[in-house]
Protein backbone atom coordinates (compact mmCIF):
# COMPACT_ATOMS: atom_id res chain seq x y z
CA UNK A 1 -3.89 27.57 35.56
CA UNK A 2 -1.05 27.00 33.09
CA UNK A 3 1.33 26.09 35.92
CA UNK A 4 -1.19 23.56 37.21
CA UNK A 5 -1.53 22.04 33.73
CA UNK A 6 2.27 21.72 33.36
CA UNK A 7 2.49 20.21 36.87
CA UNK A 8 -0.14 17.58 36.03
CA UNK A 9 1.55 16.71 32.72
CA UNK A 10 4.90 16.26 34.46
CA UNK A 11 3.20 14.14 37.11
CA UNK A 12 1.64 11.92 34.44
CA UNK A 13 4.97 11.60 32.63
CA UNK A 14 6.63 10.50 35.88
CA UNK A 15 3.93 7.85 36.34
CA UNK A 16 4.41 6.72 32.72
CA UNK A 17 8.17 6.41 33.18
CA UNK A 18 7.64 4.41 36.36
CA UNK A 19 5.19 2.04 34.59
CA UNK A 20 7.54 1.41 31.64
CA UNK A 21 10.54 0.97 33.95
CA UNK A 22 8.57 -1.44 36.17
CA UNK A 23 7.50 -3.39 33.07
CA UNK A 24 11.15 -3.62 32.00
CA UNK A 25 12.31 -4.92 35.39
CA UNK A 26 9.46 -7.43 35.70
CA UNK A 27 9.93 -8.64 32.12
CA UNK A 28 13.65 -9.28 32.54
CA UNK A 29 13.03 -11.18 35.77
CA UNK A 30 10.30 -13.48 34.42
CA UNK A 31 11.73 -14.24 30.96
CA UNK A 32 13.22 -17.57 32.04
CA UNK A 33 9.87 -18.71 33.43
CA UNK A 34 8.52 -19.35 29.93
CA UNK A 35 8.92 -22.56 27.97
CA UNK A 36 10.04 -23.04 24.39
CA UNK A 37 7.64 -22.79 21.47
CA UNK A 38 8.00 -25.46 18.82
CA UNK A 39 8.83 -23.06 15.98
CA UNK A 40 11.87 -21.68 17.78
CA UNK A 41 13.99 -24.76 17.13
CA UNK A 42 13.51 -24.66 13.36
CA UNK A 43 13.80 -20.87 13.10
CA UNK A 44 17.12 -20.95 14.92
CA UNK A 45 18.28 -23.30 12.16
CA UNK A 46 16.99 -21.02 9.38
CA UNK A 47 18.79 -18.07 10.96
CA UNK A 48 22.11 -19.87 10.64
CA UNK A 49 21.29 -21.07 7.10
CA UNK A 50 20.93 -17.45 5.98
CA UNK A 51 23.96 -16.33 8.01
CA UNK A 52 26.03 -19.07 6.40
CA UNK A 53 24.74 -18.09 2.95
CA UNK A 54 25.74 -14.45 3.52
CA UNK A 55 29.13 -15.57 4.82
CA UNK A 56 29.73 -17.72 1.71
CA UNK A 57 28.97 -14.74 -0.53
CA UNK A 58 30.96 -12.10 1.35
CA UNK A 59 33.68 -14.07 3.20
CA UNK A 60 33.88 -17.48 1.46
CA UNK A 61 37.29 -18.56 2.79
CA UNK A 62 36.61 -17.56 6.40
CA UNK A 63 33.15 -19.14 6.32
CA UNK A 64 34.55 -22.42 4.99
CA UNK A 65 37.27 -22.42 7.65
CA UNK A 66 34.73 -21.90 10.45
CA UNK A 67 32.54 -24.69 9.04
CA UNK A 68 35.49 -27.10 8.93
CA UNK A 69 36.69 -26.21 12.44
CA UNK A 70 33.23 -26.69 13.95
CA UNK A 71 32.32 -29.62 11.69
CA UNK A 72 29.01 -28.06 10.69
CA UNK A 73 27.19 -28.23 7.38
CA UNK A 74 24.14 -26.14 6.64
CA UNK A 75 21.47 -26.85 4.04
CA UNK A 76 21.79 -24.64 0.96
CA UNK A 77 19.33 -21.79 1.05
CA UNK A 78 17.70 -22.66 -2.29
CA UNK A 79 17.30 -26.31 -1.23
CA UNK A 80 15.81 -25.67 2.19
CA UNK A 81 12.16 -26.67 2.52
CA UNK A 82 10.18 -26.41 5.73
CA UNK A 83 6.60 -25.38 6.31
CA UNK A 84 6.25 -23.57 2.99
CA UNK A 85 7.31 -20.10 1.95
CA UNK A 86 8.84 -17.07 3.65
CA UNK A 87 10.81 -18.81 6.38
CA UNK A 88 13.95 -16.68 6.08
CA UNK A 89 12.92 -13.87 8.38
CA UNK A 90 15.31 -11.08 9.29
CA UNK A 91 14.97 -11.46 13.08
CA UNK A 92 16.18 -15.06 13.01
CA UNK A 93 19.29 -14.10 11.06
CA UNK A 94 19.86 -11.25 13.54
CA UNK A 95 19.49 -13.67 16.47
CA UNK A 96 21.91 -16.11 14.81
CA UNK A 97 24.45 -13.30 14.32
CA UNK A 98 24.20 -12.24 17.97
CA UNK A 99 24.60 -15.85 19.07
CA UNK A 100 27.59 -16.37 16.76
CA UNK A 101 29.41 -13.24 17.98
CA UNK A 102 28.68 -13.32 21.71
CA UNK A 103 27.63 -16.87 22.64
CA UNK A 104 29.85 -19.29 20.74
CA UNK A 105 30.34 -21.60 23.72
CA UNK A 106 26.98 -21.08 25.38
CA UNK A 107 24.63 -23.87 26.46
CA UNK A 108 21.52 -24.53 24.38
CA UNK A 109 19.31 -23.06 27.09
CA UNK A 110 21.27 -19.81 27.07
CA UNK A 111 20.91 -19.30 23.31
CA UNK A 112 17.16 -19.84 23.44
CA UNK A 113 16.76 -17.59 26.47
CA UNK A 114 18.80 -14.99 24.56
CA UNK A 115 16.06 -15.01 21.92
CA UNK A 116 13.43 -14.63 24.63
CA UNK A 117 15.22 -11.60 26.09
CA UNK A 118 15.51 -10.01 22.65
CA UNK A 119 11.82 -10.71 22.04
CA UNK A 120 10.89 -9.02 25.29
CA UNK A 121 12.95 -5.91 24.51
CA UNK A 122 11.22 -5.71 21.12
CA UNK A 123 7.85 -5.96 22.88
CA UNK A 124 8.83 -3.09 25.20
CA UNK A 125 9.75 -0.92 22.19
CA UNK A 126 6.43 -1.93 20.59
CA UNK A 127 4.47 -0.68 23.61
CA UNK A 128 6.39 2.62 23.61
CA UNK A 129 5.75 3.19 19.88
CA UNK A 130 2.11 2.23 20.35
CA UNK A 131 1.85 4.83 23.11
CA UNK A 132 3.21 7.40 20.64
CA UNK A 133 0.51 6.37 18.13
CA UNK A 134 -2.15 6.98 20.75
CA UNK A 135 -0.62 10.36 21.67
CA UNK A 136 -1.14 11.57 18.10
CA UNK A 137 -4.88 11.71 18.83
CA UNK A 138 -5.45 11.21 22.56
CA UNK A 139 -4.31 12.88 25.77
CA UNK A 140 -1.70 11.51 28.18
CA UNK A 141 -4.23 9.76 30.42
CA UNK A 142 -6.08 7.89 27.67
CA UNK A 143 -2.79 6.97 25.95
CA UNK A 144 -1.44 5.55 29.20
CA UNK A 145 -4.64 3.56 29.73
CA UNK A 146 -4.37 2.23 26.17
CA UNK A 147 -0.75 1.16 26.68
CA UNK A 148 -1.69 -0.59 29.94
CA UNK A 149 -4.54 -2.37 28.14
CA UNK A 150 -2.05 -3.62 25.56
CA UNK A 151 0.30 -4.97 28.24
CA UNK A 152 -2.67 -6.48 30.08
CA UNK A 153 -3.74 -8.49 27.04
CA UNK A 154 -2.78 -11.84 28.61
CA UNK A 155 -2.42 -13.98 25.50
CA UNK A 156 -0.29 -11.42 23.71
CA UNK A 157 1.72 -10.70 26.86
CA UNK A 158 2.85 -14.33 27.01
CA UNK A 159 3.86 -14.23 23.34
CA UNK A 160 6.06 -11.21 24.08
CA UNK A 161 8.68 -13.65 25.34
CA UNK A 162 8.78 -16.66 23.04
CA UNK A 163 6.83 -16.03 19.83
CA UNK A 164 9.41 -16.18 17.03
CA UNK A 165 7.36 -14.24 14.43
CA UNK A 166 4.07 -12.83 15.71
CA UNK A 167 5.57 -10.22 18.05
CA UNK A 168 8.09 -9.12 15.43
CA UNK A 169 5.25 -8.74 12.95
CA UNK A 170 3.35 -6.70 15.56
CA UNK A 171 6.44 -4.55 16.23
CA UNK A 172 7.10 -3.76 12.56
CA UNK A 173 3.44 -2.94 11.87
CA UNK A 174 3.25 -0.65 14.93
CA UNK A 175 6.28 1.21 13.57
CA UNK A 176 4.68 1.35 10.10
CA UNK A 177 1.49 2.82 11.49
CA UNK A 178 3.34 5.38 13.58
CA UNK A 179 5.35 6.59 10.59
CA UNK A 180 2.29 6.61 8.33
CA UNK A 181 0.05 8.50 10.75
CA UNK A 182 2.78 10.93 11.75
CA UNK A 183 3.56 11.85 8.16
CA UNK A 184 -0.08 12.20 7.09
CA UNK A 185 -0.86 14.33 10.13
CA UNK A 186 2.30 16.41 10.60
CA UNK A 187 3.93 16.16 7.13
CA UNK A 188 7.32 15.28 8.62
CA UNK A 189 9.36 13.94 5.73
CA UNK A 190 11.58 11.68 7.85
CA UNK A 191 8.56 9.50 8.63
CA UNK A 192 7.77 9.29 4.92
CA UNK A 193 11.13 7.57 4.36
CA UNK A 194 11.20 5.56 7.61
CA UNK A 195 7.85 4.04 6.69
CA UNK A 196 9.14 1.82 3.81
CA UNK A 197 12.01 0.52 5.99
CA UNK A 198 9.65 -0.78 8.68
CA UNK A 199 7.25 -1.99 6.00
CA UNK A 200 10.09 -4.06 4.51
CA UNK A 201 10.64 -5.73 7.87
CA UNK A 202 6.89 -6.41 8.14
CA UNK A 203 6.78 -7.90 4.62
CA UNK A 204 9.91 -9.95 5.25
CA UNK A 205 8.26 -11.51 8.31
CA UNK A 206 4.95 -12.07 6.52
CA UNK A 207 4.47 -11.11 2.89
CA UNK A 208 0.78 -10.53 3.54
CA UNK A 209 1.72 -7.38 5.52
CA UNK A 210 2.18 -5.71 2.15
CA UNK A 211 -1.51 -4.78 2.44
CA UNK A 212 -0.50 -1.77 4.58
CA UNK A 213 1.08 0.03 1.61
CA UNK A 214 -2.13 0.42 -0.46
CA UNK A 215 -3.82 1.89 2.63
CA UNK A 216 -1.06 4.49 2.86
CA UNK A 217 -1.35 5.34 -0.84
CA UNK A 218 -5.14 5.71 -0.67
CA UNK A 219 -4.95 8.33 2.09
CA UNK A 220 -1.90 10.01 0.61
CA UNK A 221 -3.67 10.62 -2.68
CA UNK A 222 -7.00 11.46 -1.06
CA UNK A 223 -5.62 14.25 1.12
CA UNK A 224 -2.80 15.46 -1.13
CA UNK A 225 -2.59 16.85 -4.63
CA UNK A 226 -0.64 14.57 -6.94
CA UNK A 227 2.07 16.66 -8.58
CA UNK A 228 5.66 16.30 -9.74
CA UNK A 229 7.01 16.86 -6.23
CA UNK A 230 4.88 14.09 -4.77
CA UNK A 231 5.81 11.81 -7.67
CA UNK A 232 9.52 12.27 -6.91
CA UNK A 233 8.98 11.53 -3.22
CA UNK A 234 6.99 8.42 -4.00
CA UNK A 235 9.62 7.24 -6.47
CA UNK A 236 12.31 7.59 -3.78
CA UNK A 237 10.11 5.82 -1.25
CA UNK A 238 9.44 2.95 -3.64
CA UNK A 239 13.17 2.68 -4.36
CA UNK A 240 13.90 2.40 -0.62
CA UNK A 241 11.11 -0.17 -0.25
CA UNK A 242 12.32 -2.43 -3.05
CA UNK A 243 16.04 -2.09 -2.28
CA UNK A 244 15.74 -2.76 1.45
CA UNK A 245 13.27 -5.58 0.92
CA UNK A 246 15.68 -7.32 -1.45
CA UNK A 247 18.58 -6.84 0.99
CA UNK A 248 16.81 -8.44 3.96
CA UNK A 249 14.83 -11.14 2.13
CA UNK A 250 16.87 -14.15 0.95
CA UNK A 251 13.83 -15.66 -0.80
CA UNK A 252 14.20 -12.94 -3.42
CA UNK A 253 17.97 -13.30 -3.84
CA UNK A 254 17.89 -16.58 -5.66
CA UNK A 255 14.45 -16.06 -7.27
CA UNK A 256 12.95 -12.52 -7.54
CA UNK A 257 9.59 -14.05 -8.48
CA UNK A 258 9.29 -15.31 -4.91
CA UNK A 259 8.04 -11.89 -3.79
CA UNK A 260 4.82 -12.43 -5.74
CA UNK A 261 4.69 -16.22 -5.49
CA UNK A 262 4.96 -16.17 -1.69
CA UNK A 263 2.48 -13.31 -1.33
CA UNK A 264 -0.27 -15.23 -3.11
CA UNK A 265 0.76 -18.55 -1.55
CA UNK A 266 0.19 -17.01 1.90
CA UNK A 267 -3.32 -16.03 0.86
CA UNK A 268 -3.95 -19.74 0.29
CA UNK A 269 -1.55 -21.06 2.95
CA UNK A 270 -1.93 -24.82 3.25
CA UNK A 271 -0.48 -26.56 6.30
CA UNK A 272 -3.29 -28.80 7.60
CA UNK A 273 -3.14 -29.94 11.20
CA UNK A 274 -5.80 -31.21 13.61
CA UNK A 275 -7.12 -28.66 16.11
CA UNK A 276 -9.87 -28.39 18.72
CA UNK A 277 -12.45 -25.72 17.89
CA UNK A 278 -15.91 -25.36 19.44
CA UNK A 279 -15.60 -28.81 21.00
CA UNK A 280 -14.78 -30.61 17.75
CA UNK A 281 -11.54 -31.90 16.30
CA UNK A 282 -11.21 -30.42 12.82
CA UNK A 283 -8.46 -29.78 10.31
CA UNK A 284 -7.00 -26.28 10.26
CA UNK A 285 -8.00 -26.16 6.58
CA UNK A 286 -11.65 -26.54 7.61
CA UNK A 287 -12.02 -23.72 10.13
CA UNK A 288 -15.16 -21.61 9.59
CA UNK A 289 -15.07 -18.07 8.21
CA UNK A 290 -15.66 -16.61 11.69
CA UNK A 291 -12.66 -18.41 13.26
CA UNK A 292 -10.59 -15.24 13.83
CA UNK A 293 -13.55 -13.18 15.03
CA UNK A 294 -14.60 -15.86 17.52
CA UNK A 295 -11.08 -16.15 18.92
CA UNK A 296 -10.87 -12.37 19.35
CA UNK A 297 -14.23 -12.36 21.15
CA UNK A 298 -13.38 -15.22 23.55
CA UNK A 299 -9.77 -14.29 24.38
CA UNK A 300 -9.79 -10.48 24.61
CA UNK A 301 -10.51 -9.06 28.10
CA UNK A 302 -14.24 -8.31 28.37
CA UNK A 303 -13.92 -4.60 29.19
CA UNK A 304 -11.46 -4.03 26.34
CA UNK A 305 -13.80 -5.87 23.97
CA UNK A 306 -16.83 -3.85 25.10
CA UNK A 307 -15.05 -0.51 24.70
CA UNK A 308 -13.71 -1.61 21.30
CA UNK A 309 -17.24 -2.26 20.00
CA UNK A 310 -18.45 1.05 21.46
CA UNK A 311 -15.51 2.83 19.78
CA UNK A 312 -16.25 1.21 16.41
CA UNK A 313 -19.92 2.25 16.60
CA UNK A 314 -19.01 5.82 17.58
CA UNK A 315 -16.47 6.02 14.75
CA UNK A 316 -18.96 4.76 12.14
CA UNK A 317 -21.55 7.26 13.40
CA UNK A 318 -19.01 10.10 13.21
CA UNK A 319 -17.91 8.98 9.74
CA UNK A 320 -21.53 8.79 8.50
CA UNK A 321 -22.27 12.22 9.97
CA UNK A 322 -19.24 13.77 8.21
CA UNK A 323 -20.23 12.20 4.90
CA UNK A 324 -23.88 13.29 5.18
CA UNK A 325 -22.96 16.84 6.17
CA UNK A 326 -20.13 16.86 3.58
CA UNK A 327 -17.55 17.68 6.23
CA UNK A 328 -13.86 17.02 5.72
CA UNK A 329 -12.79 13.50 6.64
CA UNK A 330 -9.42 14.83 7.80
CA UNK A 331 -10.54 14.79 11.43
CA UNK A 332 -11.15 11.03 11.15
CA UNK A 333 -8.08 10.22 9.09
CA UNK A 334 -6.27 8.19 11.77
CA UNK A 335 -9.42 6.32 12.77
CA UNK A 336 -10.22 5.49 9.12
CA UNK A 337 -6.70 4.12 8.54
CA UNK A 338 -6.78 2.00 11.69
CA UNK A 339 -10.28 0.76 10.85
CA UNK A 340 -9.03 -0.46 7.44
CA UNK A 341 -5.95 -1.86 9.15
CA UNK A 342 -8.36 -4.06 11.15
CA UNK A 343 -11.04 -4.92 8.61
CA UNK A 344 -8.91 -5.79 5.55
CA UNK A 345 -7.04 -8.78 7.12
CA UNK A 346 -10.33 -10.09 8.58
CA UNK A 347 -12.01 -9.82 5.19
CA UNK A 348 -8.99 -11.39 3.42
CA UNK A 349 -9.12 -14.37 5.79
CA UNK A 350 -12.83 -14.86 5.15
CA UNK A 351 -12.32 -14.78 1.38
CA UNK A 352 -9.10 -16.77 0.92
CA UNK A 353 -9.40 -19.04 3.98
CA UNK A 354 -5.74 -20.01 4.51
CA UNK A 355 -4.96 -22.77 7.02
CA UNK A 356 -4.77 -21.29 10.50
CA UNK A 357 -4.32 -22.67 13.99
CA UNK A 358 -3.30 -21.74 17.52
CA UNK A 359 -6.01 -19.13 17.96
CA UNK A 360 -5.50 -15.70 16.42
CA UNK A 361 -1.77 -15.32 17.16
CA UNK A 362 -1.02 -14.77 13.44
CA UNK A 363 -3.36 -11.78 13.71
CA UNK A 364 -2.19 -10.34 17.04
CA UNK A 365 -1.35 -7.09 15.24
CA UNK A 366 -5.13 -6.50 15.12
CA UNK A 367 -4.88 -5.67 18.82
CA UNK A 368 -3.51 -2.30 17.69
CA UNK A 369 -6.95 -1.47 16.27
CA UNK A 370 -8.82 -3.05 19.18
CA UNK A 371 -7.02 -0.92 21.78
CA UNK A 372 -7.11 2.19 19.58
CA UNK A 373 -10.91 2.11 19.28
CA UNK A 374 -11.14 1.34 22.98
CA UNK A 375 -9.32 4.66 23.48
CA UNK A 376 -11.63 6.33 20.96
CA UNK A 377 -14.60 5.40 23.14
CA UNK A 378 -12.79 6.76 26.22
CA UNK A 379 -12.15 10.01 24.36
CA UNK A 380 -15.88 10.37 23.76
CA UNK A 381 -16.53 9.53 27.40
CA UNK A 382 -14.48 12.62 28.29
CA UNK A 383 -17.16 14.73 26.61
CA UNK A 384 -19.84 13.59 29.05
CA UNK A 385 -20.42 16.32 31.62
CA UNK A 386 -21.66 14.02 34.40
CA UNK A 387 -18.62 13.88 36.68
CA UNK A 388 -20.07 11.06 38.81
CA UNK A 389 -20.58 8.85 35.75
CA UNK A 390 -17.02 9.37 34.52
CA UNK A 391 -15.51 8.69 37.96
CA UNK A 392 -17.61 5.54 38.32
CA UNK A 393 -16.62 4.29 34.86
CA UNK A 394 -12.90 4.87 35.42
CA UNK A 395 -13.14 3.11 38.78
CA UNK A 396 -14.63 0.09 37.01
CA UNK A 397 -11.82 0.26 34.43
CA UNK A 398 -9.14 0.31 37.16
CA UNK A 399 -10.77 -2.63 38.97
CA UNK A 400 -10.85 -4.50 35.64
CA UNK A 401 -7.10 -3.92 35.15
CA UNK A 402 -6.37 -5.07 38.70
CA UNK A 403 -8.38 -8.27 38.18
CA UNK A 404 -6.60 -9.06 34.90
CA UNK A 405 -3.21 -8.39 36.49
CA UNK A 406 -4.12 -10.69 39.37
CA UNK A 407 -5.16 -13.44 36.92
CA UNK A 408 -1.90 -13.06 34.99
CA UNK A 409 0.09 -13.30 38.23
CA UNK A 410 -1.77 -16.32 39.61
CA UNK A 411 -1.54 -18.21 36.30
CA UNK A 412 2.01 -17.20 35.41
CA UNK A 413 3.63 -18.29 33.10
CA UNK A 414 0.56 -19.60 31.24
CA UNK A 415 -1.10 -16.32 30.30
CA UNK A 416 -1.41 -17.80 26.79
CA UNK A 417 -4.38 -19.86 28.06
CA UNK A 418 -6.50 -16.79 28.89
CA UNK A 419 -10.22 -16.84 28.15
CA UNK A 420 -12.41 -13.93 29.17
CA UNK A 421 -15.40 -14.09 31.52
CA UNK A 422 -17.77 -14.73 28.62
CA UNK A 423 -16.00 -17.85 27.40
CA UNK A 424 -14.03 -19.23 30.37
CA UNK A 425 -16.46 -22.10 31.04
CA UNK A 426 -16.13 -23.26 27.43
CA UNK A 427 -12.31 -23.14 27.34
CA UNK A 428 -11.88 -26.93 27.10
CA UNK A 429 -13.63 -26.78 23.71
CA UNK A 430 -10.66 -24.93 22.18
CA UNK A 431 -6.95 -25.29 21.62
CA UNK A 432 -5.08 -24.70 24.83
CA UNK A 433 -1.29 -25.03 25.05
CA UNK A 434 -0.83 -25.61 21.32
CA UNK A 435 2.91 -24.83 21.37
CA UNK A 436 3.70 -27.14 24.28
CA UNK A 437 5.10 -24.39 26.51
CA UNK A 438 4.11 -26.34 29.61
CA UNK A 439 6.26 -29.35 28.67
CA UNK A 440 9.30 -27.88 30.42
CA UNK A 441 7.46 -27.94 33.78
CA UNK A 442 6.58 -31.61 33.28
CA UNK A 443 10.19 -32.50 32.43
CA UNK A 444 11.48 -30.69 35.52
CA UNK A 445 8.95 -32.51 37.66
CA UNK A 446 10.04 -35.93 36.36
CA UNK A 447 13.70 -35.06 36.90
CA UNK A 448 12.86 -34.16 40.50
CA UNK A 449 11.26 -37.55 41.26
CA UNK A 450 13.57 -39.85 39.26
CA UNK A 451 17.06 -40.76 40.45
CA UNK A 452 18.25 -42.70 37.41
CA UNK A 453 17.67 -42.68 33.67
CA UNK A 454 14.11 -43.06 32.37
CA UNK A 455 12.23 -43.04 29.07
CA UNK A 456 9.50 -40.64 27.95
CA UNK A 457 7.26 -40.75 24.88
CA UNK A 458 5.42 -37.85 23.36
CA UNK A 459 1.66 -38.39 23.42
CA UNK A 460 -1.05 -36.83 21.19
CA UNK A 461 1.48 -35.14 18.86
CA UNK A 462 3.25 -33.53 21.79
CA UNK A 463 6.93 -32.60 21.31
CA UNK A 464 8.23 -32.52 24.85
CA UNK A 465 11.69 -33.38 23.47
CA UNK A 466 11.97 -29.79 22.20
CA UNK A 467 11.95 -28.60 25.81
CA UNK A 468 15.23 -30.43 26.45
CA UNK A 469 16.82 -27.36 24.86
CA UNK A 470 15.97 -25.40 28.01
CA UNK A 471 17.52 -27.95 30.37
CA UNK A 472 21.21 -27.94 31.33
CA UNK A 473 21.55 -30.27 34.30
CA UNK A 474 20.49 -33.93 34.36
CA UNK A 475 18.84 -33.81 30.95
CA UNK A 476 20.95 -36.83 29.92
CA UNK A 477 18.82 -38.89 32.29
CA UNK A 478 15.94 -38.46 29.86
CA UNK A 479 15.59 -40.71 26.84
CA UNK A 480 12.75 -40.21 24.36
CA UNK A 481 11.08 -43.25 22.85
CA UNK A 482 8.77 -43.44 19.86
CA UNK A 483 5.64 -41.24 20.00
CA UNK A 484 2.60 -42.75 21.78
CA UNK A 485 4.66 -45.74 22.96
CA UNK A 486 2.93 -46.86 26.18
CA UNK A 487 5.94 -49.08 26.95
CA UNK A 488 7.82 -45.90 27.93
CA UNK A 489 7.74 -45.16 31.63
CA UNK A 490 6.06 -41.80 31.07
CA UNK A 491 4.02 -40.10 28.39
CA UNK A 492 3.60 -36.33 28.21
CA UNK A 493 0.74 -34.57 26.47
CA UNK A 494 -0.44 -30.98 26.20
CA UNK A 495 -3.10 -31.60 23.56
CA UNK A 496 -6.82 -31.55 24.37
CA UNK A 497 -8.33 -34.18 22.12
CA UNK A 498 -11.16 -35.03 24.46
CA UNK A 499 -9.41 -37.94 26.20
CA UNK A 500 -10.85 -38.50 29.68
CA UNK A 501 -9.96 -40.76 32.61
CA UNK A 502 -11.94 -43.65 31.11
CA UNK A 503 -9.76 -43.57 27.99
CA UNK A 504 -6.60 -44.06 30.07
CA UNK A 505 -8.11 -46.67 32.42
CA UNK A 506 -9.02 -48.92 29.48
CA UNK A 507 -5.39 -48.89 28.39
CA UNK A 508 -3.96 -49.55 31.83
CA UNK A 509 -2.71 -45.96 32.16
CA UNK A 510 -3.15 -43.30 34.78
CA UNK A 511 -2.44 -39.60 35.06
CA UNK A 512 0.09 -38.83 37.81
CA UNK A 513 0.41 -35.08 37.36
CA UNK A 514 -1.62 -32.33 35.70
CA UNK A 515 -0.84 -28.69 35.02
CA UNK A 516 -3.96 -26.56 35.21
CA UNK A 517 -5.03 -23.02 34.40
CA UNK A 518 -8.42 -21.94 35.78
CA UNK A 519 -8.95 -25.60 36.73
CA UNK A 520 -8.50 -26.60 33.06
CA UNK A 521 -5.87 -29.25 32.32
CA UNK A 522 -3.26 -28.01 29.84
CA UNK A 523 -0.62 -30.71 30.38
CA UNK A 524 -0.58 -34.19 31.83
CA UNK A 525 2.01 -36.83 32.70
CA UNK A 526 0.76 -40.36 32.11
CA UNK A 527 2.23 -43.68 33.19
CA UNK A 528 1.31 -47.38 33.39
CA UNK A 529 -0.32 -48.37 36.66
CA UNK A 530 2.35 -50.96 37.42
CA UNK A 531 4.96 -48.19 37.49
CA UNK A 532 3.44 -46.86 40.69
């Protein structure tokens, strides 16, 4: 019996290795299929601003020489203003350093694709660490299913390649949770001191991620006696947290108060922009309190969503039962932490109502909790003695994964437009390709049909000019005119502001090409009728 168990475990591990290896190979091969997100251009600049600042402090003469040779001048770090607070994030400085060392003479497209490759590798590490989180409380099979469910979260999968901040925030918080849970469960001291390092990275990316630390302290004090030994450990941990945070966060270098100023400013983040939500154009500052919850419900795969709700209900029932019977809550420690990890950001959004747009990408780290409680429901399913029921349910789960994978393949590389079966028919009532990732396909199409130079204008706040960074050949043929200038030969738009064919006909315009996902237009090329 023991030999059979070991054989099965080794078999499962082989399957796991194959899945992760296959994911690596596929990811590397499809990275260049994705377009450029608008934020990448500015964050590349901020990376070099910080790198230049560090160079001026540590190697002033060499930095000045390089600047003179290359005829470059960066904005001073304390004078830089763009989009508010907390823009000097560690990953952008790291990317700038890699580019400076290894890609000095590279084309623009190569340096942006470099960032996409790095992003993908970080996403792979994230999935591996997440699997380890699941293994702390679930068996190999359930943990593998949970990891697959994370990969087969279409919207998040697309962001694995180009999102400049959200995936790094997800990565650092996954590492935080793993260290936290591992220490609280197994008392391994190394995780106690690794935890503040990853928390620093999470805070550096978004100050609001500081909320994870109080959760850790609550459970530390609840399940441990506070004595001199624990006080010393906490003092050392806090020292690591503060020291490392200061080292990697330039905002604090020139003004230590920024740590607190930026934390509270993010609670009331104000960056109003017009978005489509529930069929209406509204300002991002006017989104309803249920904005995040609705986006989670409409863009999470249906089966994952169903099992998540089942898992939450089962957890709350188990928690209530333990409290009523005065049982130890130790058995539900991980679930309680991950429940708070989910509910606190949702509650904070409802209370403080910061400006938010582009779906729930700023909250993609909540998928950790969604998948975890999905696995919690599967764990309880294991307890059911009806073999037929379990086999039937797992067959449905496998079919669900196959269908999602097929959708992701058919609609590649626009997985970011995914809506589940519940909401698919209402998709046009929401933001679609907010970041303009489809613009690169439109530019390539125009280059393929035009022999000489031609002019394009951005339409509906589109920024197709950003996608020029991913073009090497023939991009000089393209000239960009003023936004919404119908005198340009072509206009490109990826916004869904409710404009229909009648709107264009009245203005003597026509749509000559559309990019669609599930028969929903996410990008259109528009021209004057006389051009055809």
